[in-house]
Amino acid sequence: MELTGIVELDVHGMRTEEAVDAIQKKINNAKNNIYRIRIIHGYHGGVRIKTAIREEFGYGREPKILRIAPGQNDGITELILREY
């Protein structure tokens, strides 16, 4: 059980489709105490996963996601489920 309200998901080394599926599962399984999903996708190998996250989950496409925010560096994207 996550006590911080933030769940991290590392999708390094996954194909884009695998990463999107893993992210969707994490969103679907998020409990009420989770307000943020931190996706660690990296950036040295390209930006395909980062772009796919914005395309698949941004712009109101996923009702559970309030907004998408940049992480602490270019290799992290955060999905905000609700404000803390």
PDB file of N, CA and C in Angstrom:
ATOM      1  N   MET A   1       0.836  -1.177   0.000  1.00  0.00           N
ATOM      2  CA  MET A   1       0.000   0.000   0.000  1.00  0.00           C
ATOM      3  C   MET A   1       0.885   1.246   0.000  1.00  0.00           C
ATOM      4  N   GLU A   2       0.558   2.205  -0.851  1.00  0.00           N
ATOM      5  CA  GLU A   2       1.307   3.453  -0.931  1.00  0.00           C
ATOM      6  C   GLU A   2       0.824   4.420   0.135  1.00  0.00           C
ATOM      7  N   LEU A   3       1.718   4.862   0.990  1.00  0.00           N
ATOM      8  CA  LEU A   3       1.350   5.797   2.047  1.00  0.00           C
ATOM      9  C   LEU A   3       1.535   7.242   1.614  1.00  0.00           C
ATOM     10  N   THR A   4       2.312   7.469   0.571  1.00  0.00           N
ATOM     11  CA  THR A   4       2.612   8.834   0.155  1.00  0.00           C
ATOM     12  C   THR A   4       1.553   9.422  -0.766  1.00  0.00           C
ATOM     13  N   GLY A   5       0.742   8.609  -1.384  1.00  0.00           N
ATOM     14  CA  GLY A   5      -0.232   9.096  -2.347  1.00  0.00           C
ATOM     15  C   GLY A   5       0.335   9.190  -3.747  1.00  0.00           C
ATOM     16  N   ILE A   6       1.618   8.822  -3.891  1.00  0.00           N
ATOM     17  CA  ILE A   6       2.271   8.853  -5.193  1.00  0.00           C
ATOM     18  C   ILE A   6       2.723   7.434  -5.537  1.00  0.00           C
ATOM     19  N   VAL A   7       2.358   6.993  -6.732  1.00  0.00           N
ATOM     20  CA  VAL A   7       2.780   5.687  -7.218  1.00  0.00           C
ATOM     21  C   VAL A   7       3.781   5.924  -8.341  1.00  0.00           C
ATOM     22  N   GLU A   8       4.885   5.189  -8.317  1.00  0.00           N
ATOM     23  CA  GLU A   8       5.873   5.291  -9.386  1.00  0.00           C
ATOM     24  C   GLU A   8       5.794   4.061 -10.274  1.00  0.00           C
ATOM     25  N   LEU A   9       5.943   4.308 -11.554  1.00  0.00           N
ATOM     26  CA  LEU A   9       5.944   3.231 -12.536  1.00  0.00           C
ATOM     27  C   LEU A   9       7.118   3.457 -13.480  1.00  0.00           C
ATOM     28  N   ASP A  10       8.043   2.505 -13.511  1.00  0.00           N
ATOM     29  CA  ASP A  10       9.229   2.592 -14.368  1.00  0.00           C
ATOM     30  C   ASP A  10       8.959   1.795 -15.641  1.00  0.00           C
ATOM     31  N   VAL A  11       8.934   2.472 -16.770  1.00  0.00           N
ATOM     32  CA  VAL A  11       8.653   1.816 -18.036  1.00  0.00           C
ATOM     33  C   VAL A  11       9.884   1.770 -18.953  1.00  0.00           C
ATOM     34  N   HIS A  12      11.068   1.956 -18.368  1.00  0.00           N
ATOM     35  CA  HIS A  12      12.316   1.831 -19.143  1.00  0.00           C
ATOM     36  C   HIS A  12      12.349   0.479 -19.840  1.00  0.00           C
ATOM     37  N   GLY A  13      12.794   0.466 -21.069  1.00  0.00           N
ATOM     38  CA  GLY A  13      12.995  -0.790 -21.779  1.00  0.00           C
ATOM     39  C   GLY A  13      11.733  -1.388 -22.366  1.00  0.00           C
ATOM     40  N   MET A  14      10.577  -0.808 -22.103  1.00  0.00           N
ATOM     41  CA  MET A  14       9.325  -1.318 -22.667  1.00  0.00           C
ATOM     42  C   MET A  14       9.111  -0.723 -24.047  1.00  0.00           C
ATOM     43  N   ARG A  15       8.408  -1.468 -24.875  1.00  0.00           N
ATOM     44  CA  ARG A  15       7.934  -0.887 -26.124  1.00  0.00           C
ATOM     45  C   ARG A  15       6.826   0.099 -25.772  1.00  0.00           C
ATOM     46  N   THR A  16       6.530   0.989 -26.670  1.00  0.00           N
ATOM     47  CA  THR A  16       5.531   2.025 -26.413  1.00  0.00           C
ATOM     48  C   THR A  16       4.184   1.417 -26.041  1.00  0.00           C
ATOM     49  N   GLU A  17       3.741   0.408 -26.778  1.00  0.00           N
ATOM     50  CA  GLU A  17       2.441  -0.215 -26.516  1.00  0.00           C
ATOM     51  C   GLU A  17       2.422  -0.870 -25.136  1.00  0.00           C
ATOM     52  N   GLU A  18       3.512  -1.524 -24.765  1.00  0.00           N
ATOM     53  CA  GLU A  18       3.605  -2.147 -23.445  1.00  0.00           C
ATOM     54  C   GLU A  18       3.540  -1.091 -22.348  1.00  0.00           C
ATOM     55  N   ALA A  19       4.229   0.015 -22.561  1.00  0.00           N
ATOM     56  CA  ALA A  19       4.239   1.090 -21.565  1.00  0.00           C
ATOM     57  C   ALA A  19       2.847   1.679 -21.389  1.00  0.00           C
ATOM     58  N   VAL A  20       2.159   1.945 -22.489  1.00  0.00           N
ATOM     59  CA  VAL A  20       0.802   2.507 -22.412  1.00  0.00           C
ATOM     60  C   VAL A  20      -0.128   1.538 -21.688  1.00  0.00           C
ATOM     61  N   ASP A  21      -0.023   0.242 -21.976  1.00  0.00           N
ATOM     62  CA  ASP A  21      -0.855  -0.756 -21.284  1.00  0.00           C
ATOM     63  C   ASP A  21      -0.553  -0.787 -19.789  1.00  0.00           C
ATOM     64  N   ALA A  22       0.726  -0.739 -19.423  1.00  0.00           N
ATOM     65  CA  ALA A  22       1.109  -0.753 -18.008  1.00  0.00           C
ATOM     66  C   ALA A  22       0.592   0.491 -17.290  1.00  0.00           C
ATOM     67  N   ILE A  23       0.664   1.627 -17.962  1.00  0.00           N
ATOM     68  CA  ILE A  23       0.172   2.874 -17.368  1.00  0.00           C
ATOM     69  C   ILE A  23      -1.335   2.801 -17.175  1.00  0.00           C
ATOM     70  N   GLN A  24      -2.051   2.304 -18.185  1.00  0.00           N
ATOM     71  CA  GLN A  24      -3.504   2.198 -18.080  1.00  0.00           C
ATOM     72  C   GLN A  24      -3.910   1.283 -16.918  1.00  0.00           C
ATOM     73  N   LYS A  25      -3.195   0.181 -16.745  1.00  0.00           N
ATOM     74  CA  LYS A  25      -3.480  -0.717 -15.620  1.00  0.00           C
ATOM     75  C   LYS A  25      -3.250  -0.015 -14.288  1.00  0.00           C
ATOM     76  N   LYS A  26      -2.179   0.768 -14.205  1.00  0.00           N
ATOM     77  CA  LYS A  26      -1.874   1.500 -12.970  1.00  0.00           C
ATOM     78  C   LYS A  26      -2.974   2.522 -12.679  1.00  0.00           C
ATOM     79  N   ILE A  27      -3.459   3.200 -13.711  1.00  0.00           N
ATOM     80  CA  ILE A  27      -4.556   4.157 -13.535  1.00  0.00           C
ATOM     81  C   ILE A  27      -5.816   3.440 -13.063  1.00  0.00           C
ATOM     82  N   ASN A  28      -6.145   2.353 -13.718  1.00  0.00           N
ATOM     83  CA  ASN A  28      -7.364   1.607 -13.370  1.00  0.00           C
ATOM     84  C   ASN A  28      -7.328   1.050 -11.954  1.00  0.00           C
ATOM     85  N   ASN A  29      -6.145   0.682 -11.467  1.00  0.00           N
ATOM     86  CA  ASN A  29      -6.012   0.068 -10.150  1.00  0.00           C
ATOM     87  C   ASN A  29      -5.705   1.062  -9.033  1.00  0.00           C
ATOM     88  N   ALA A  30      -5.611   2.347  -9.369  1.00  0.00           N
ATOM     89  CA  ALA A  30      -5.267   3.360  -8.362  1.00  0.00           C
ATOM     90  C   ALA A  30      -6.394   3.498  -7.339  1.00  0.00           C
ATOM     91  N   LYS A  31      -6.039   3.403  -6.081  1.00  0.00           N
ATOM     92  CA  LYS A  31      -7.003   3.557  -4.986  1.00  0.00           C
ATOM     93  C   LYS A  31      -7.267   5.039  -4.739  1.00  0.00           C
ATOM     94  N   ASN A  32      -8.229   5.326  -3.904  1.00  0.00           N
ATOM     95  CA  ASN A  32      -8.611   6.712  -3.622  1.00  0.00           C
ATOM     96  C   ASN A  32      -7.508   7.530  -2.959  1.00  0.00           C
ATOM     97  N   ASN A  33      -6.572   6.876  -2.266  1.00  0.00           N
ATOM     98  CA  ASN A  33      -5.499   7.628  -1.604  1.00  0.00           C
ATOM     99  C   ASN A  33      -4.384   8.043  -2.569  1.00  0.00           C
ATOM    100  N   ILE A  34      -4.425   7.567  -3.796  1.00  0.00           N
ATOM    101  CA  ILE A  34      -3.415   7.909  -4.793  1.00  0.00           C
ATOM    102  C   ILE A  34      -3.849   9.166  -5.524  1.00  0.00           C
ATOM    103  N   TYR A  35      -2.985  10.173  -5.530  1.00  0.00           N
ATOM    104  CA  TYR A  35      -3.320  11.408  -6.232  1.00  0.00           C
ATOM    105  C   TYR A  35      -2.371  11.696  -7.395  1.00  0.00           C
ATOM    106  N   ARG A  36      -1.300  10.927  -7.512  1.00  0.00           N
ATOM    107  CA  ARG A  36      -0.319  11.176  -8.560  1.00  0.00           C
ATOM    108  C   ARG A  36       0.345   9.868  -8.971  1.00  0.00           C
ATOM    109  N   ILE A  37       0.491   9.668 -10.280  1.00  0.00           N
ATOM    110  CA  ILE A  37       1.243   8.531 -10.808  1.00  0.00           C
ATOM    111  C   ILE A  37       2.468   9.101 -11.515  1.00  0.00           C
ATOM    112  N   ARG A  38       3.629   8.747 -11.007  1.00  0.00           N
ATOM    113  CA  ARG A  38       4.900   9.236 -11.557  1.00  0.00           C
ATOM    114  C   ARG A  38       5.437   8.167 -12.507  1.00  0.00           C
ATOM    115  N   ILE A  39       5.539   8.528 -13.776  1.00  0.00           N
ATOM    116  CA  ILE A  39       6.002   7.589 -14.792  1.00  0.00           C
ATOM    117  C   ILE A  39       7.450   7.929 -15.144  1.00  0.00           C
ATOM    118  N   ILE A  40       8.311   6.954 -14.953  1.00  0.00           N
ATOM    119  CA  ILE A  40       9.728   7.111 -15.255  1.00  0.00           C
ATOM    120  C   ILE A  40       9.963   6.433 -16.598  1.00  0.00           C
ATOM    121  N   HIS A  41      10.150   7.243 -17.640  1.00  0.00           N
ATOM    122  CA  HIS A  41      10.282   6.711 -18.989  1.00  0.00           C
ATOM    123  C   HIS A  41      11.652   6.964 -19.582  1.00  0.00           C
ATOM    124  N   GLY A  42      12.448   7.829 -18.987  1.00  0.00           N
ATOM    125  CA  GLY A  42      13.765   8.151 -19.518  1.00  0.00           C
ATOM    126  C   GLY A  42      13.664   9.064 -20.725  1.00  0.00           C
ATOM    127  N   TYR A  43      14.798   9.531 -21.175  1.00  0.00           N
ATOM    128  CA  TYR A  43      14.797  10.398 -22.351  1.00  0.00           C
ATOM    129  C   TYR A  43      16.016  10.187 -23.242  1.00  0.00           C
ATOM    130  N   HIS A  44      16.963   9.410 -22.811  1.00  0.00           N
ATOM    131  CA  HIS A  44      18.159   9.193 -23.633  1.00  0.00           C
ATOM    132  C   HIS A  44      17.861   8.303 -24.828  1.00  0.00           C
ATOM    133  N   GLY A  45      16.872   7.445 -24.707  1.00  0.00           N
ATOM    134  CA  GLY A  45      16.529   6.536 -25.804  1.00  0.00           C
ATOM    135  C   GLY A  45      15.471   7.097 -26.733  1.00  0.00           C
ATOM    136  N   GLY A  46      15.107   8.343 -26.594  1.00  0.00           N
ATOM    137  CA  GLY A  46      14.083   8.948 -27.432  1.00  0.00           C
ATOM    138  C   GLY A  46      12.892   9.377 -26.599  1.00  0.00           C
ATOM    139  N   VAL A  47      11.916   9.921 -27.270  1.00  0.00           N
ATOM    140  CA  VAL A  47      10.752  10.468 -26.561  1.00  0.00           C
ATOM    141  C   VAL A  47       9.450   9.782 -26.973  1.00  0.00           C
ATOM    142  N   ARG A  48       9.535   8.599 -27.541  1.00  0.00           N
ATOM    143  CA  ARG A  48       8.314   7.915 -27.996  1.00  0.00           C
ATOM    144  C   ARG A  48       7.331   7.671 -26.871  1.00  0.00           C
ATOM    145  N   ILE A  49       7.804   7.183 -25.736  1.00  0.00           N
ATOM    146  CA  ILE A  49       6.893   6.891 -24.631  1.00  0.00           C
ATOM    147  C   ILE A  49       6.335   8.183 -24.055  1.00  0.00           C
ATOM    148  N   LYS A  50       7.160   9.175 -23.906  1.00  0.00           N
ATOM    149  CA  LYS A  50       6.697  10.476 -23.397  1.00  0.00           C
ATOM    150  C   LYS A  50       5.607  11.050 -24.297  1.00  0.00           C
ATOM    151  N   THR A  51       5.828  10.981 -25.596  1.00  0.00           N
ATOM    152  CA  THR A  51       4.837  11.473 -26.555  1.00  0.00           C
ATOM    153  C   THR A  51       3.557  10.649 -26.481  1.00  0.00           C
ATOM    154  N   ALA A  52       3.690   9.343 -26.376  1.00  0.00           N
ATOM    155  CA  ALA A  52       2.519   8.464 -26.297  1.00  0.00           C
ATOM    156  C   ALA A  52       1.699   8.743 -25.043  1.00  0.00           C
ATOM    157  N   ILE A  53       2.363   9.036 -23.928  1.00  0.00           N
ATOM    158  CA  ILE A  53       1.649   9.358 -22.687  1.00  0.00           C
ATOM    159  C   ILE A  53       0.774  10.584 -22.907  1.00  0.00           C
ATOM    160  N   ARG A  54       1.334  11.599 -23.503  1.00  0.00           N
ATOM    161  CA  ARG A  54       0.567  12.832 -23.749  1.00  0.00           C
ATOM    162  C   ARG A  54      -0.568  12.600 -24.741  1.00  0.00           C
ATOM    163  N   GLU A  55      -0.337  11.778 -25.753  1.00  0.00           N
ATOM    164  CA  GLU A  55      -1.371  11.506 -26.742  1.00  0.00           C
ATOM    165  C   GLU A  55      -2.483  10.617 -26.188  1.00  0.00           C
ATOM    166  N   GLU A  56      -2.124   9.608 -25.422  1.00  0.00           N
ATOM    167  CA  GLU A  56      -3.107   8.645 -24.921  1.00  0.00           C
ATOM    168  C   GLU A  56      -3.890   9.140 -23.712  1.00  0.00           C
ATOM    169  N   PHE A  57      -3.227   9.913 -22.843  1.00  0.00           N
ATOM    170  CA  PHE A  57      -3.847  10.248 -21.565  1.00  0.00           C
ATOM    171  C   PHE A  57      -4.118  11.738 -21.377  1.00  0.00           C
ATOM    172  N   GLY A  58      -3.692  12.549 -22.308  1.00  0.00           N
ATOM    173  CA  GLY A  58      -3.889  13.992 -22.172  1.00  0.00           C
ATOM    174  C   GLY A  58      -5.172  14.473 -22.817  1.00  0.00           C
ATOM    175  N   TYR A  59      -5.429  15.743 -22.663  1.00  0.00           N
ATOM    176  CA  TYR A  59      -6.537  16.421 -23.334  1.00  0.00           C
ATOM    177  C   TYR A  59      -7.900  15.811 -23.017  1.00  0.00           C
ATOM    178  N   GLY A  60      -8.097  15.337 -21.795  1.00  0.00           N
ATOM    179  CA  GLY A  60      -9.387  14.805 -21.385  1.00  0.00           C
ATOM    180  C   GLY A  60      -9.716  13.424 -21.907  1.00  0.00           C
ATOM    181  N   ARG A  61      -8.743  12.725 -22.463  1.00  0.00           N
ATOM    182  CA  ARG A  61      -9.003  11.385 -23.010  1.00  0.00           C
ATOM    183  C   ARG A  61      -9.195  10.329 -21.934  1.00  0.00           C
ATOM    184  N   GLU A  62      -8.569  10.525 -20.804  1.00  0.00           N
ATOM    185  CA  GLU A  62      -8.722   9.586 -19.670  1.00  0.00           C
ATOM    186  C   GLU A  62      -9.404  10.349 -18.546  1.00  0.00           C
ATOM    187  N   PRO A  63     -10.650  10.008 -18.229  1.00  0.00           N
ATOM    188  CA  PRO A  63     -11.402  10.787 -17.241  1.00  0.00           C
ATOM    189  C   PRO A  63     -10.801  10.805 -15.833  1.00  0.00           C
ATOM    190  N   LYS A  64     -10.000   9.819 -15.482  1.00  0.00           N
ATOM    191  CA  LYS A  64      -9.409   9.788 -14.142  1.00  0.00           C
ATOM    192  C   LYS A  64      -8.235  10.758 -13.995  1.00  0.00           C
ATOM    193  N   ILE A  65      -7.706  11.255 -15.115  1.00  0.00           N
ATOM    194  CA  ILE A  65      -6.539  12.137 -15.070  1.00  0.00           C
ATOM    195  C   ILE A  65      -6.989  13.592 -15.157  1.00  0.00           C
ATOM    196  N   LEU A  66      -6.645  14.331 -14.124  1.00  0.00           N
ATOM    197  CA  LEU A  66      -6.971  15.753 -14.068  1.00  0.00           C
ATOM    198  C   LEU A  66      -6.069  16.545 -15.023  1.00  0.00           C
ATOM    199  N   ARG A  67      -4.768  16.236 -14.977  1.00  0.00           N
ATOM    200  CA  ARG A  67      -3.814  16.916 -15.849  1.00  0.00           C
ATOM    201  C   ARG A  67      -2.513  16.131 -15.879  1.00  0.00           C
ATOM    202  N   ILE A  68      -1.657  16.493 -16.825  1.00  0.00           N
ATOM    203  CA  ILE A  68      -0.331  15.905 -16.950  1.00  0.00           C
ATOM    204  C   ILE A  68       0.677  16.992 -16.620  1.00  0.00           C
ATOM    205  N   ALA A  69       1.688  16.636 -15.814  1.00  0.00           N
ATOM    206  CA  ALA A  69       2.700  17.607 -15.401  1.00  0.00           C
ATOM    207  C   ALA A  69       4.090  17.039 -15.682  1.00  0.00           C
ATOM    208  N   PRO A  70       5.055  17.916 -15.976  1.00  0.00           N
ATOM    209  CA  PRO A  70       6.436  17.439 -16.128  1.00  0.00           C
ATOM    210  C   PRO A  70       6.973  16.990 -14.774  1.00  0.00           C
ATOM    211  N   GLY A  71       7.896  16.059 -14.807  1.00  0.00           N
ATOM    212  CA  GLY A  71       8.505  15.580 -13.581  1.00  0.00           C
ATOM    213  C   GLY A  71       9.723  16.400 -13.201  1.00  0.00           C
ATOM    214  N   GLN A  72      10.536  15.844 -12.327  1.00  0.00           N
ATOM    215  CA  GLN A  72      11.728  16.531 -11.840  1.00  0.00           C
ATOM    216  C   GLN A  72      12.792  16.670 -12.919  1.00  0.00           C
ATOM    217  N   ASN A  73      12.711  15.822 -13.946  1.00  0.00           N
ATOM    218  CA  ASN A  73      13.616  15.930 -15.092  1.00  0.00           C
ATOM    219  C   ASN A  73      12.866  15.480 -16.336  1.00  0.00           C
ATOM    220  N   ASP A  74      13.502  15.558 -17.487  1.00  0.00           N
ATOM    221  CA  ASP A  74      12.842  15.235 -18.756  1.00  0.00           C
ATOM    222  C   ASP A  74      12.465  13.767 -18.891  1.00  0.00           C
ATOM    223  N   GLY A  75      12.984  12.926 -18.047  1.00  0.00           N
ATOM    224  CA  GLY A  75      12.693  11.498 -18.112  1.00  0.00           C
ATOM    225  C   GLY A  75      11.522  11.070 -17.254  1.00  0.00           C
ATOM    226  N   ILE A  76      10.800  12.032 -16.694  1.00  0.00           N
ATOM    227  CA  ILE A  76       9.666  11.731 -15.814  1.00  0.00           C
ATOM    228  C   ILE A  76       8.458  12.550 -16.258  1.00  0.00           C
ATOM    229  N   THR A  77       7.301  11.886 -16.290  1.00  0.00           N
ATOM    230  CA  THR A  77       6.025  12.556 -16.527  1.00  0.00           C
ATOM    231  C   THR A  77       5.096  12.151 -15.396  1.00  0.00           C
ATOM    232  N   GLU A  78       4.346  13.105 -14.884  1.00  0.00           N
ATOM    233  CA  GLU A  78       3.442  12.816 -13.773  1.00  0.00           C
ATOM    234  C   GLU A  78       1.997  12.989 -14.214  1.00  0.00           C
ATOM    235  N   LEU A  79       1.194  11.989 -13.901  1.00  0.00           N
ATOM    236  CA  LEU A  79      -0.233  12.044 -14.159  1.00  0.00           C
ATOM    237  C   LEU A  79      -0.909  12.442 -12.860  1.00  0.00           C
ATOM    238  N   ILE A  80      -1.601  13.558 -12.858  1.00  0.00           N
ATOM    239  CA  ILE A  80      -2.247  14.071 -11.664  1.00  0.00           C
ATOM    240  C   ILE A  80      -3.692  13.580 -11.673  1.00  0.00           C
ATOM    241  N   LEU A  81      -4.044  12.743 -10.700  1.00  0.00           N
ATOM    242  CA  LEU A  81      -5.397  12.215 -10.613  1.00  0.00           C
ATOM    243  C   LEU A  81      -6.312  13.165  -9.841  1.00  0.00           C
ATOM    244  N   ARG A  82      -5.745  13.829  -8.861  1.00  0.00           N
ATOM    245  CA  ARG A  82      -6.474  14.841  -8.092  1.00  0.00           C
ATOM    246  C   ARG A  82      -5.443  15.716  -7.414  1.00  0.00           C
ATOM    247  N   GLU A  83      -5.863  16.913  -7.038  1.00  0.00           N
ATOM    248  CA  GLU A  83      -4.941  17.819  -6.345  1.00  0.00           C
ATOM    249  C   GLU A  83      -4.746  17.333  -4.906  1.00  0.00           C
ATOM    250  N   TYR A  84      -3.557  17.515  -4.397  1.00  0.00           N
ATOM    251  CA  TYR A  84      -3.231  17.055  -3.039  1.00  0.00           C
ATOM    252  C   TYR A  84      -3.860  17.938  -2.006  1.00  0.00           C
TER     253      TYR A  84
END
